[in-house]
Amino acid sequence: MLKIILISIFFSVSLFSQTMNLSGNWHSFNKSNNYGTVLFENETLTLNSNGTFFMLILVDVQKGDSFIKGLRIEVSGIWRECDKTLSLVLKTLNVPFASVVSGISQASLNNISQTFKNKYRVDTIFLNKIINEEKNGFALKNCSGLITKYHR
């Protein structure tokens, strides 16, 4: 009888100690406002089981009547999860185009693109603490304290 109880306790503990499988497609949405400039970031993060990842970020910027829709940022690299920390190493970055631009000069568009290129520099390592895991989502906290929530 004691043997059965010990085995059942062992299996119960081992089931709860397993970490979430992060492989798959994850989505996040962020809206921020900075001195009247509204920034929308719609992010799709694909974590492949072979340790590679692809991130697509679609950015919309609006200030008054001027706006940019669909500024496309593509990032890829390698990832690993260990001890509730998600590590991302960026290997490629591409900011190919924006789908719609109105009332914004080419120089301003280039400045916005450069801002994201500086944010996601190649060979940069991002360490993100996994602070919340659920069946269909998780939240990451970066070194700056910014929390990003992902869902399937």
Foldseek 3Di string as FASTA:
>chain_A
DVVVVVVVVVVVVVVVPDDDDPAAKKWFWDWDADPQKIKIWIKIWGQHPVFKIKMWIFMWIDHPPWIFGGQIKIWMAGWDDDPQKIKGATADIDRDDTPDGDPDDPVVVVVVVVVVCVVRPHRDMWIWGFDDDDPFWTWTQTPVRDIIIIGD
